[in-house]
Amino acid sequence: MAQNFVHFHGLNLHTWDNVCGFAVESLTYFILYPNAPSKRRIINNFESYKTGKDFGQRIFGYIQPNSTNDYNFGISSEGNSELWLSTDATPSNSRRIAFIG
């Protein structure tokens, strides 16, 4: 999404090192997930680049479109990944809308 269509102040990027495996479950079952990432930072777009092996990442936050419209979302990754979206600010209303793996 282009930044001029969405109002946000940053997204959370959490990275866990020493996660073995390519499945999303390798991260979600990791003993330190979700409370103790190796690194936390704020990013201002939906992109993340990390080189190396044995890591997992999670990008999350709240975005609010400036107008009601149809929006396209997509994902790209070298390993498995999932994209979840909620229609409101409630995380439990999130639904998986795209995945690789």
PDB file of N, CA and C in Angstrom:
ATOM      1  N   MET A   1       0.827  -1.169   0.000  1.00  0.00           N
ATOM      2  CA  MET A   1       0.000   0.000   0.000  1.00  0.00           C
ATOM      3  C   MET A   1       0.874   1.235   0.000  1.00  0.00           C
ATOM      4  N   ALA A   2       0.522   2.181  -0.783  1.00  0.00           N
ATOM      5  CA  ALA A   2       1.272   3.430  -0.790  1.00  0.00           C
ATOM      6  C   ALA A   2       1.010   4.191   0.502  1.00  0.00           C
ATOM      7  N   GLN A   3       2.018   4.848   0.993  1.00  0.00           N
ATOM      8  CA  GLN A   3       1.911   5.510   2.281  1.00  0.00           C
ATOM      9  C   GLN A   3       0.879   6.634   2.269  1.00  0.00           C
ATOM     10  N   ASN A   4       0.641   7.275   1.126  1.00  0.00           N
ATOM     11  CA  ASN A   4      -0.324   8.363   1.089  1.00  0.00           C
ATOM     12  C   ASN A   4      -1.769   7.881   1.209  1.00  0.00           C
ATOM     13  N   PHE A   5      -2.040   6.595   1.084  1.00  0.00           N
ATOM     14  CA  PHE A   5      -3.388   6.068   1.232  1.00  0.00           C
ATOM     15  C   PHE A   5      -3.664   5.570   2.645  1.00  0.00           C
ATOM     16  N   VAL A   6      -2.656   5.476   3.467  1.00  0.00           N
ATOM     17  CA  VAL A   6      -2.813   4.872   4.782  1.00  0.00           C
ATOM     18  C   VAL A   6      -2.204   5.785   5.834  1.00  0.00           C
ATOM     19  N   HIS A   7      -2.897   5.939   6.931  1.00  0.00           N
ATOM     20  CA  HIS A   7      -2.382   6.734   8.037  1.00  0.00           C
ATOM     21  C   HIS A   7      -1.847   5.794   9.114  1.00  0.00           C
ATOM     22  N   PHE A   8      -0.555   5.876   9.381  1.00  0.00           N
ATOM     23  CA  PHE A   8       0.020   5.114  10.488  1.00  0.00           C
ATOM     24  C   PHE A   8       1.306   5.774  10.939  1.00  0.00           C
ATOM     25  N   HIS A   9       1.715   5.459  12.155  1.00  0.00           N
ATOM     26  CA  HIS A   9       2.921   6.058  12.725  1.00  0.00           C
ATOM     27  C   HIS A   9       4.047   5.051  12.839  1.00  0.00           C
ATOM     28  N   GLY A  10       3.872   3.891  12.317  1.00  0.00           N
ATOM     29  CA  GLY A  10       4.904   2.867  12.353  1.00  0.00           C
ATOM     30  C   GLY A  10       4.318   1.513  12.699  1.00  0.00           C
ATOM     31  N   LEU A  11       5.001   0.504  12.247  1.00  0.00           N
ATOM     32  CA  LEU A  11       4.618  -0.874  12.531  1.00  0.00           C
ATOM     33  C   LEU A  11       5.704  -1.511  13.377  1.00  0.00           C
ATOM     34  N   ASN A  12       5.325  -2.427  14.213  1.00  0.00           N
ATOM     35  CA  ASN A  12       6.275  -3.150  15.048  1.00  0.00           C
ATOM     36  C   ASN A  12       6.905  -4.275  14.245  1.00  0.00           C
ATOM     37  N   LEU A  13       8.223  -4.367  14.283  1.00  0.00           N
ATOM     38  CA  LEU A  13       8.948  -5.475  13.673  1.00  0.00           C
ATOM     39  C   LEU A  13       9.699  -6.189  14.787  1.00  0.00           C
ATOM     40  N   HIS A  14       9.322  -7.417  15.054  1.00  0.00           N
ATOM     41  CA  HIS A  14       9.999  -8.237  16.053  1.00  0.00           C
ATOM     42  C   HIS A  14      10.731  -9.365  15.338  1.00  0.00           C
ATOM     43  N   THR A  15      11.964  -9.622  15.748  1.00  0.00           N
ATOM     44  CA  THR A  15      12.791 -10.673  15.160  1.00  0.00           C
ATOM     45  C   THR A  15      13.248 -11.623  16.254  1.00  0.00           C
ATOM     46  N   TRP A  16      13.142 -12.912  15.983  1.00  0.00           N
ATOM     47  CA  TRP A  16      13.648 -13.955  16.882  1.00  0.00           C
ATOM     48  C   TRP A  16      14.776 -14.680  16.170  1.00  0.00           C
ATOM     49  N   ASP A  17      15.936 -14.722  16.794  1.00  0.00           N
ATOM     50  CA  ASP A  17      17.077 -15.451  16.249  1.00  0.00           C
ATOM     51  C   ASP A  17      17.056 -16.892  16.748  1.00  0.00           C
ATOM     52  N   ASN A  18      17.772 -17.757  16.042  1.00  0.00           N
ATOM     53  CA  ASN A  18      17.925 -19.176  16.412  1.00  0.00           C
ATOM     54  C   ASN A  18      16.616 -19.954  16.352  1.00  0.00           C
ATOM     55  N   VAL A  19      15.757 -19.601  15.398  1.00  0.00           N
ATOM     56  CA  VAL A  19      14.525 -20.350  15.148  1.00  0.00           C
ATOM     57  C   VAL A  19      14.818 -21.324  14.016  1.00  0.00           C
ATOM     58  N   CYS A  20      14.759 -22.596  14.299  1.00  0.00           N
ATOM     59  CA  CYS A  20      15.062 -23.612  13.282  1.00  0.00           C
ATOM     60  C   CYS A  20      13.788 -24.008  12.546  1.00  0.00           C
ATOM     61  N   GLY A  21      13.877 -24.152  11.241  1.00  0.00           N
ATOM     62  CA  GLY A  21      12.740 -24.592  10.446  1.00  0.00           C
ATOM     63  C   GLY A  21      12.184 -23.470   9.592  1.00  0.00           C
ATOM     64  N   PHE A  22      11.396 -23.858   8.594  1.00  0.00           N
ATOM     65  CA  PHE A  22      10.826 -22.891   7.662  1.00  0.00           C
ATOM     66  C   PHE A  22       9.333 -22.668   7.875  1.00  0.00           C
ATOM     67  N   ALA A  23       8.668 -23.547   8.597  1.00  0.00           N
ATOM     68  CA  ALA A  23       7.229 -23.419   8.806  1.00  0.00           C
ATOM     69  C   ALA A  23       6.931 -22.265   9.758  1.00  0.00           C
ATOM     70  N   VAL A  24       5.786 -21.630   9.574  1.00  0.00           N
ATOM     71  CA  VAL A  24       5.363 -20.562  10.480  1.00  0.00           C
ATOM     72  C   VAL A  24       5.302 -21.093  11.909  1.00  0.00           C
ATOM     73  N   GLU A  25       4.911 -22.348  12.067  1.00  0.00           N
ATOM     74  CA  GLU A  25       4.827 -22.952  13.399  1.00  0.00           C
ATOM     75  C   GLU A  25       6.191 -23.045  14.076  1.00  0.00           C
ATOM     76  N   SER A  26       7.272 -23.058  13.300  1.00  0.00           N
ATOM     77  CA  SER A  26       8.609 -23.043  13.902  1.00  0.00           C
ATOM     78  C   SER A  26       8.792 -21.789  14.749  1.00  0.00           C
ATOM     79  N   LEU A  27       8.189 -20.698  14.322  1.00  0.00           N
ATOM     80  CA  LEU A  27       8.243 -19.467  15.109  1.00  0.00           C
ATOM     81  C   LEU A  27       7.177 -19.467  16.195  1.00  0.00           C
ATOM     82  N   THR A  28       5.936 -19.778  15.843  1.00  0.00           N
ATOM     83  CA  THR A  28       4.853 -19.644  16.820  1.00  0.00           C
ATOM     84  C   THR A  28       4.963 -20.642  17.965  1.00  0.00           C
ATOM     85  N   TYR A  29       5.682 -21.748  17.775  1.00  0.00           N
ATOM     86  CA  TYR A  29       5.915 -22.701  18.862  1.00  0.00           C
ATOM     87  C   TYR A  29       7.246 -22.456  19.570  1.00  0.00           C
ATOM     88  N   PHE A  30       8.028 -21.486  19.108  1.00  0.00           N
ATOM     89  CA  PHE A  30       9.321 -21.156  19.708  1.00  0.00           C
ATOM     90  C   PHE A  30       9.095 -20.654  21.133  1.00  0.00           C
ATOM     91  N   ILE A  31       9.892 -21.127  22.062  1.00  0.00           N
ATOM     92  CA  ILE A  31       9.663 -20.846  23.484  1.00  0.00           C
ATOM     93  C   ILE A  31       9.662 -19.350  23.811  1.00  0.00           C
ATOM     94  N   LEU A  32      10.382 -18.546  23.052  1.00  0.00           N
ATOM     95  CA  LEU A  32      10.458 -17.108  23.327  1.00  0.00           C
ATOM     96  C   LEU A  32       9.377 -16.292  22.611  1.00  0.00           C
ATOM     97  N   TYR A  33       8.585 -16.946  21.760  1.00  0.00           N
ATOM     98  CA  TYR A  33       7.537 -16.254  21.005  1.00  0.00           C
ATOM     99  C   TYR A  33       6.260 -16.194  21.834  1.00  0.00           C
ATOM    100  N   PRO A  34       5.544 -15.136  21.893  1.00  0.00           N
ATOM    101  CA  PRO A  34       5.734 -13.841  21.250  1.00  0.00           C
ATOM    102  C   PRO A  34       6.366 -12.786  22.166  1.00  0.00           C
ATOM    103  N   ASN A  35       6.648 -13.148  23.412  1.00  0.00           N
ATOM    104  CA  ASN A  35       6.995 -12.138  24.417  1.00  0.00           C
ATOM    105  C   ASN A  35       8.447 -11.687  24.463  1.00  0.00           C
ATOM    106  N   ALA A  36       9.382 -12.444  23.916  1.00  0.00           N
ATOM    107  CA  ALA A  36      10.797 -12.102  24.085  1.00  0.00           C
ATOM    108  C   ALA A  36      11.569 -12.175  22.767  1.00  0.00           C
ATOM    109  N   PRO A  37      11.298 -11.246  21.843  1.00  0.00           N
ATOM    110  CA  PRO A  37      12.067 -11.255  20.594  1.00  0.00           C
ATOM    111  C   PRO A  37      13.520 -10.864  20.842  1.00  0.00           C
ATOM    112  N   SER A  38      14.393 -11.287  19.952  1.00  0.00           N
ATOM    113  CA  SER A  38      15.804 -10.905  20.030  1.00  0.00           C
ATOM    114  C   SER A  38      15.989  -9.426  19.727  1.00  0.00           C
ATOM    115  N   LYS A  39      15.107  -8.878  18.876  1.00  0.00           N
ATOM    116  CA  LYS A  39      15.225  -7.480  18.472  1.00  0.00           C
ATOM    117  C   LYS A  39      13.834  -6.918  18.212  1.00  0.00           C
ATOM    118  N   ARG A  40      13.629  -5.667  18.614  1.00  0.00           N
ATOM    119  CA  ARG A  40      12.373  -4.949  18.355  1.00  0.00           C
ATOM    120  C   ARG A  40      12.716  -3.614  17.703  1.00  0.00           C
ATOM    121  N   ARG A  41      11.924  -3.250  16.709  1.00  0.00           N
ATOM    122  CA  ARG A  41      12.095  -1.922  16.126  1.00  0.00           C
ATOM    123  C   ARG A  41      10.797  -1.480  15.469  1.00  0.00           C
ATOM    124  N   ILE A  42      10.717  -0.210  15.162  1.00  0.00           N
ATOM    125  CA  ILE A  42       9.561   0.372  14.484  1.00  0.00           C
ATOM    126  C   ILE A  42       9.972   0.636  13.038  1.00  0.00           C
ATOM    127  N   ILE A  43       9.121   0.217  12.106  1.00  0.00           N
ATOM    128  CA  ILE A  43       9.375   0.448  10.687  1.00  0.00           C
ATOM    129  C   ILE A  43       8.242   1.303  10.122  1.00  0.00           C
ATOM    130  N   ASN A  44       8.511   2.017   9.032  1.00  0.00           N
ATOM    131  CA  ASN A  44       7.482   2.903   8.482  1.00  0.00           C
ATOM    132  C   ASN A  44       6.895   2.407   7.173  1.00  0.00           C
ATOM    133  N   ASN A  45       7.134   1.129   6.852  1.00  0.00           N
ATOM    134  CA  ASN A  45       6.478   0.519   5.698  1.00  0.00           C
ATOM    135  C   ASN A  45       6.353  -0.979   5.963  1.00  0.00           C
ATOM    136  N   PHE A  46       5.764  -1.684   5.049  1.00  0.00           N
ATOM    137  CA  PHE A  46       5.499  -3.106   5.239  1.00  0.00           C
ATOM    138  C   PHE A  46       6.640  -3.995   4.765  1.00  0.00           C
ATOM    139  N   GLU A  47       7.836  -3.460   4.652  1.00  0.00           N
ATOM    140  CA  GLU A  47       8.960  -4.240   4.140  1.00  0.00           C
ATOM    141  C   GLU A  47       9.966  -4.524   5.239  1.00  0.00           C
ATOM    142  N   SER A  48      10.557  -5.707   5.157  1.00  0.00           N
ATOM    143  CA  SER A  48      11.605  -6.088   6.095  1.00  0.00           C
ATOM    144  C   SER A  48      12.640  -6.899   5.340  1.00  0.00           C
ATOM    145  N   TYR A  49      13.886  -6.584   5.562  1.00  0.00           N
ATOM    146  CA  TYR A  49      14.969  -7.320   4.921  1.00  0.00           C
ATOM    147  C   TYR A  49      15.916  -7.814   6.003  1.00  0.00           C
ATOM    148  N   LYS A  50      16.170  -9.088   6.020  1.00  0.00           N
ATOM    149  CA  LYS A  50      17.142  -9.671   6.944  1.00  0.00           C
ATOM    150  C   LYS A  50      17.832 -10.796   6.206  1.00  0.00           C
ATOM    151  N   THR A  51      19.140 -10.832   6.306  1.00  0.00           N
ATOM    152  CA  THR A  51      19.890 -11.917   5.696  1.00  0.00           C
ATOM    153  C   THR A  51      20.326 -12.870   6.788  1.00  0.00           C
ATOM    154  N   GLY A  52      20.568 -14.078   6.406  1.00  0.00           N
ATOM    155  CA  GLY A  52      20.999 -15.078   7.372  1.00  0.00           C
ATOM    156  C   GLY A  52      20.037 -16.243   7.411  1.00  0.00           C
ATOM    157  N   LYS A  53      20.239 -17.077   8.406  1.00  0.00           N
ATOM    158  CA  LYS A  53      19.406 -18.272   8.555  1.00  0.00           C
ATOM    159  C   LYS A  53      18.874 -18.335   9.977  1.00  0.00           C
ATOM    160  N   ASP A  54      17.924 -19.209  10.161  1.00  0.00           N
ATOM    161  CA  ASP A  54      17.411 -19.542  11.494  1.00  0.00           C
ATOM    162  C   ASP A  54      16.869 -18.329  12.245  1.00  0.00           C
ATOM    163  N   PHE A  55      15.930 -17.636  11.631  1.00  0.00           N
ATOM    164  CA  PHE A  55      15.282 -16.519  12.306  1.00  0.00           C
ATOM    165  C   PHE A  55      13.818 -16.477  11.888  1.00  0.00           C
ATOM    166  N   GLY A  56      13.022 -15.802  12.677  1.00  0.00           N
ATOM    167  CA  GLY A  56      11.626 -15.561  12.351  1.00  0.00           C
ATOM    168  C   GLY A  56      11.294 -14.111  12.630  1.00  0.00           C
ATOM    169  N   GLN A  57      10.339 -13.561  11.884  1.00  0.00           N
ATOM    170  CA  GLN A  57       9.952 -12.171  12.078  1.00  0.00           C
ATOM    171  C   GLN A  57       8.441 -12.044  12.128  1.00  0.00           C
ATOM    172  N   ARG A  58       8.008 -11.007  12.829  1.00  0.00           N
ATOM    173  CA  ARG A  58       6.592 -10.688  12.923  1.00  0.00           C
ATOM    174  C   ARG A  58       6.450  -9.179  12.772  1.00  0.00           C
ATOM    175  N   ILE A  59       5.611  -8.757  11.835  1.00  0.00           N
ATOM    176  CA  ILE A  59       5.283  -7.343  11.665  1.00  0.00           C
ATOM    177  C   ILE A  59       3.823  -7.187  12.064  1.00  0.00           C
ATOM    178  N   PHE A  60       3.562  -6.233  12.946  1.00  0.00           N
ATOM    179  CA  PHE A  60       2.177  -6.029  13.358  1.00  0.00           C
ATOM    180  C   PHE A  60       1.964  -4.571  13.744  1.00  0.00           C
ATOM    181  N   GLY A  61       0.715  -4.169  13.700  1.00  0.00           N
ATOM    182  CA  GLY A  61       0.371  -2.805  14.067  1.00  0.00           C
ATOM    183  C   GLY A  61      -1.031  -2.479  13.607  1.00  0.00           C
ATOM    184  N   TYR A  62      -1.371  -1.234  13.712  1.00  0.00           N
ATOM    185  CA  TYR A  62      -2.699  -0.758  13.369  1.00  0.00           C
ATOM    186  C   TYR A  62      -2.573   0.231  12.218  1.00  0.00           C
ATOM    187  N   ILE A  63      -3.306  -0.009  11.155  1.00  0.00           N
ATOM    188  CA  ILE A  63      -3.358   0.928  10.036  1.00  0.00           C
ATOM    189  C   ILE A  63      -4.805   1.338   9.828  1.00  0.00           C
ATOM    190  N   GLN A  64      -4.988   2.536   9.344  1.00  0.00           N
ATOM    191  CA  GLN A  64      -6.337   3.024   9.081  1.00  0.00           C
ATOM    192  C   GLN A  64      -6.348   3.707   7.723  1.00  0.00           C
ATOM    193  N   PRO A  65      -7.030   3.116   6.739  1.00  0.00           N
ATOM    194  CA  PRO A  65      -7.120   3.758   5.420  1.00  0.00           C
ATOM    195  C   PRO A  65      -7.819   5.108   5.530  1.00  0.00           C
ATOM    196  N   ASN A  66      -7.424   6.026   4.666  1.00  0.00           N
ATOM    197  CA  ASN A  66      -8.046   7.349   4.653  1.00  0.00           C
ATOM    198  C   ASN A  66      -9.456   7.322   4.080  1.00  0.00           C
ATOM    199  N   SER A  67      -9.788   6.275   3.328  1.00  0.00           N
ATOM    200  CA  SER A  67     -11.112   6.199   2.732  1.00  0.00           C
ATOM    201  C   SER A  67     -11.533   4.745   2.588  1.00  0.00           C
ATOM    202  N   THR A  68     -12.838   4.548   2.495  1.00  0.00           N
ATOM    203  CA  THR A  68     -13.368   3.219   2.229  1.00  0.00           C
ATOM    204  C   THR A  68     -13.135   2.921   0.758  1.00  0.00           C
ATOM    205  N   ASN A  69     -12.543   1.769   0.486  1.00  0.00           N
ATOM    206  CA  ASN A  69     -12.214   1.416  -0.884  1.00  0.00           C
ATOM    207  C   ASN A  69     -11.820  -0.051  -0.901  1.00  0.00           C
ATOM    208  N   ASP A  70     -11.526  -0.569  -2.065  1.00  0.00           N
ATOM    209  CA  ASP A  70     -10.958  -1.905  -2.183  1.00  0.00           C
ATOM    210  C   ASP A  70      -9.445  -1.783  -2.140  1.00  0.00           C
ATOM    211  N   TYR A  71      -8.804  -2.604  -1.314  1.00  0.00           N
ATOM    212  CA  TYR A  71      -7.350  -2.582  -1.185  1.00  0.00           C
ATOM    213  C   TYR A  71      -6.810  -3.972  -1.475  1.00  0.00           C
ATOM    214  N   ASN A  72      -5.657  -4.030  -2.094  1.00  0.00           N
ATOM    215  CA  ASN A  72      -4.984  -5.294  -2.371  1.00  0.00           C
ATOM    216  C   ASN A  72      -3.809  -5.455  -1.422  1.00  0.00           C
ATOM    217  N   PHE A  73      -3.678  -6.650  -0.862  1.00  0.00           N
ATOM    218  CA  PHE A  73      -2.563  -6.983   0.008  1.00  0.00           C
ATOM    219  C   PHE A  73      -1.857  -8.193  -0.574  1.00  0.00           C
ATOM    220  N   GLY A  74      -0.572  -8.275  -0.373  1.00  0.00           N
ATOM    221  CA  GLY A  74       0.189  -9.422  -0.846  1.00  0.00           C
ATOM    222  C   GLY A  74       1.415  -9.626   0.018  1.00  0.00           C
ATOM    223  N   ILE A  75       2.009 -10.800  -0.105  1.00  0.00           N
ATOM    224  CA  ILE A  75       3.217 -11.103   0.655  1.00  0.00           C
ATOM    225  C   ILE A  75       4.241 -11.760  -0.255  1.00  0.00           C
ATOM    226  N   SER A  76       5.485 -11.646   0.149  1.00  0.00           N
ATOM    227  CA  SER A  76       6.593 -12.276  -0.547  1.00  0.00           C
ATOM    228  C   SER A  76       7.624 -12.659   0.500  1.00  0.00           C
ATOM    229  N   SER A  77       8.163 -13.865   0.393  1.00  0.00           N
ATOM    230  CA  SER A  77       9.193 -14.284   1.344  1.00  0.00           C
ATOM    231  C   SER A  77       9.976 -15.449   0.767  1.00  0.00           C
ATOM    232  N   GLU A  78      11.180 -15.643   1.294  1.00  0.00           N
ATOM    233  CA  GLU A  78      11.982 -16.797   0.895  1.00  0.00           C
ATOM    234  C   GLU A  78      11.548 -18.050   1.637  1.00  0.00           C
ATOM    235  N   GLY A  79      10.961 -17.884   2.788  1.00  0.00           N
ATOM    236  CA  GLY A  79      10.450 -19.006   3.571  1.00  0.00           C
ATOM    237  C   GLY A  79       8.939 -18.926   3.636  1.00  0.00           C
ATOM    238  N   ASN A  80       8.354 -19.638   4.546  1.00  0.00           N
ATOM    239  CA  ASN A  80       6.908 -19.605   4.720  1.00  0.00           C
ATOM    240  C   ASN A  80       6.506 -18.310   5.408  1.00  0.00           C
ATOM    241  N   SER A  81       5.318 -17.830   5.089  1.00  0.00           N
ATOM    242  CA  SER A  81       4.817 -16.609   5.718  1.00  0.00           C
ATOM    243  C   SER A  81       3.300 -16.580   5.645  1.00  0.00           C
ATOM    244  N   GLU A  82       2.713 -15.744   6.495  1.00  0.00           N
ATOM    245  CA  GLU A  82       1.269 -15.564   6.531  1.00  0.00           C
ATOM    246  C   GLU A  82       0.964 -14.084   6.674  1.00  0.00           C
ATOM    247  N   LEU A  83      -0.186 -13.673   6.149  1.00  0.00           N
ATOM    248  CA  LEU A  83      -0.671 -12.304   6.293  1.00  0.00           C
ATOM    249  C   LEU A  83      -2.060 -12.369   6.903  1.00  0.00           C
ATOM    250  N   TRP A  84      -2.218 -11.708   8.035  1.00  0.00           N
ATOM    251  CA  TRP A  84      -3.486 -11.676   8.753  1.00  0.00           C
ATOM    252  C   TRP A  84      -4.000 -10.246   8.779  1.00  0.00           C
ATOM    253  N   LEU A  85      -5.317 -10.080   8.676  1.00  0.00           N
ATOM    254  CA  LEU A  85      -5.926  -8.757   8.665  1.00  0.00           C
ATOM    255  C   LEU A  85      -7.236  -8.814   9.434  1.00  0.00           C
ATOM    256  N   SER A  86      -7.496  -7.768  10.201  1.00  0.00           N
ATOM    257  CA  SER A  86      -8.752  -7.651  10.935  1.00  0.00           C
ATOM    258  C   SER A  86      -9.548  -6.490  10.360  1.00  0.00           C
ATOM    259  N   THR A  87     -10.848  -6.572  10.443  1.00  0.00           N
ATOM    260  CA  THR A  87     -11.709  -5.499   9.956  1.00  0.00           C
ATOM    261  C   THR A  87     -11.849  -4.377  10.974  1.00  0.00           C
ATOM    262  N   ASP A  88     -11.311  -4.584  12.169  1.00  0.00           N
ATOM    263  CA  ASP A  88     -11.362  -3.562  13.212  1.00  0.00           C
ATOM    264  C   ASP A  88     -10.096  -3.659  14.063  1.00  0.00           C
ATOM    265  N   ALA A  89     -10.084  -3.017  15.200  1.00  0.00           N
ATOM    266  CA  ALA A  89      -8.890  -2.974  16.050  1.00  0.00           C
ATOM    267  C   ALA A  89      -8.764  -4.185  16.972  1.00  0.00           C
ATOM    268  N   THR A  90      -9.604  -5.188  16.800  1.00  0.00           N
ATOM    269  CA  THR A  90      -9.600  -6.353  17.677  1.00  0.00           C
ATOM    270  C   THR A  90      -8.758  -7.472  17.070  1.00  0.00           C
ATOM    271  N   PRO A  91      -7.622  -7.817  17.699  1.00  0.00           N
ATOM    272  CA  PRO A  91      -6.764  -8.878  17.149  1.00  0.00           C
ATOM    273  C   PRO A  91      -7.477 -10.218  16.972  1.00  0.00           C
ATOM    274  N   SER A  92      -8.423 -10.533  17.843  1.00  0.00           N
ATOM    275  CA  SER A  92      -9.111 -11.825  17.726  1.00  0.00           C
ATOM    276  C   SER A  92     -10.006 -11.897  16.488  1.00  0.00           C
ATOM    277  N   ASN A  93     -10.282 -10.768  15.850  1.00  0.00           N
ATOM    278  CA  ASN A  93     -11.059 -10.758  14.610  1.00  0.00           C
ATOM    279  C   ASN A  93     -10.187 -10.924  13.371  1.00  0.00           C
ATOM    280  N   SER A  94      -8.886 -11.087  13.563  1.00  0.00           N
ATOM    281  CA  SER A  94      -7.969 -11.252  12.432  1.00  0.00           C
ATOM    282  C   SER A  94      -8.232 -12.560  11.702  1.00  0.00           C
ATOM    283  N   ARG A  95      -8.097 -12.509  10.392  1.00  0.00           N
ATOM    284  CA  ARG A  95      -8.244 -13.686   9.538  1.00  0.00           C
ATOM    285  C   ARG A  95      -7.053 -13.744   8.593  1.00  0.00           C
ATOM    286  N   ARG A  96      -6.601 -14.956   8.328  1.00  0.00           N
ATOM    287  CA  ARG A  96      -5.493 -15.125   7.387  1.00  0.00           C
ATOM    288  C   ARG A  96      -6.012 -14.866   5.985  1.00  0.00           C
ATOM    289  N   ILE A  97      -5.392 -13.900   5.292  1.00  0.00           N
ATOM    290  CA  ILE A  97      -5.853 -13.550   3.946  1.00  0.00           C
ATOM    291  C   ILE A  97      -4.856 -13.959   2.871  1.00  0.00           C
ATOM    292  N   ALA A  98      -3.639 -14.340   3.263  1.00  0.00           N
ATOM    293  CA  ALA A  98      -2.637 -14.796   2.295  1.00  0.00           C
ATOM    294  C   ALA A  98      -1.588 -15.619   3.029  1.00  0.00           C
ATOM    295  N   PHE A  99      -0.989 -16.564   2.300  1.00  0.00           N
ATOM    296  CA  PHE A  99       0.085 -17.345   2.904  1.00  0.00           C
ATOM    297  C   PHE A  99       0.994 -17.907   1.826  1.00  0.00           C
ATOM    298  N   ILE A 100       2.227 -18.194   2.224  1.00  0.00           N
ATOM    299  CA  ILE A 100       3.208 -18.885   1.396  1.00  0.00           C
ATOM    300  C   ILE A 100       3.679 -20.077   2.203  1.00  0.00           C
ATOM    301  N   GLY A 101       3.644 -21.237   1.604  1.00  0.00           N
ATOM    302  CA  GLY A 101       4.122 -22.416   2.329  1.00  0.00           C
ATOM    303  C   GLY A 101       3.255 -23.543   2.282  1.00  0.00           C
TER     304      GLY A 101
END
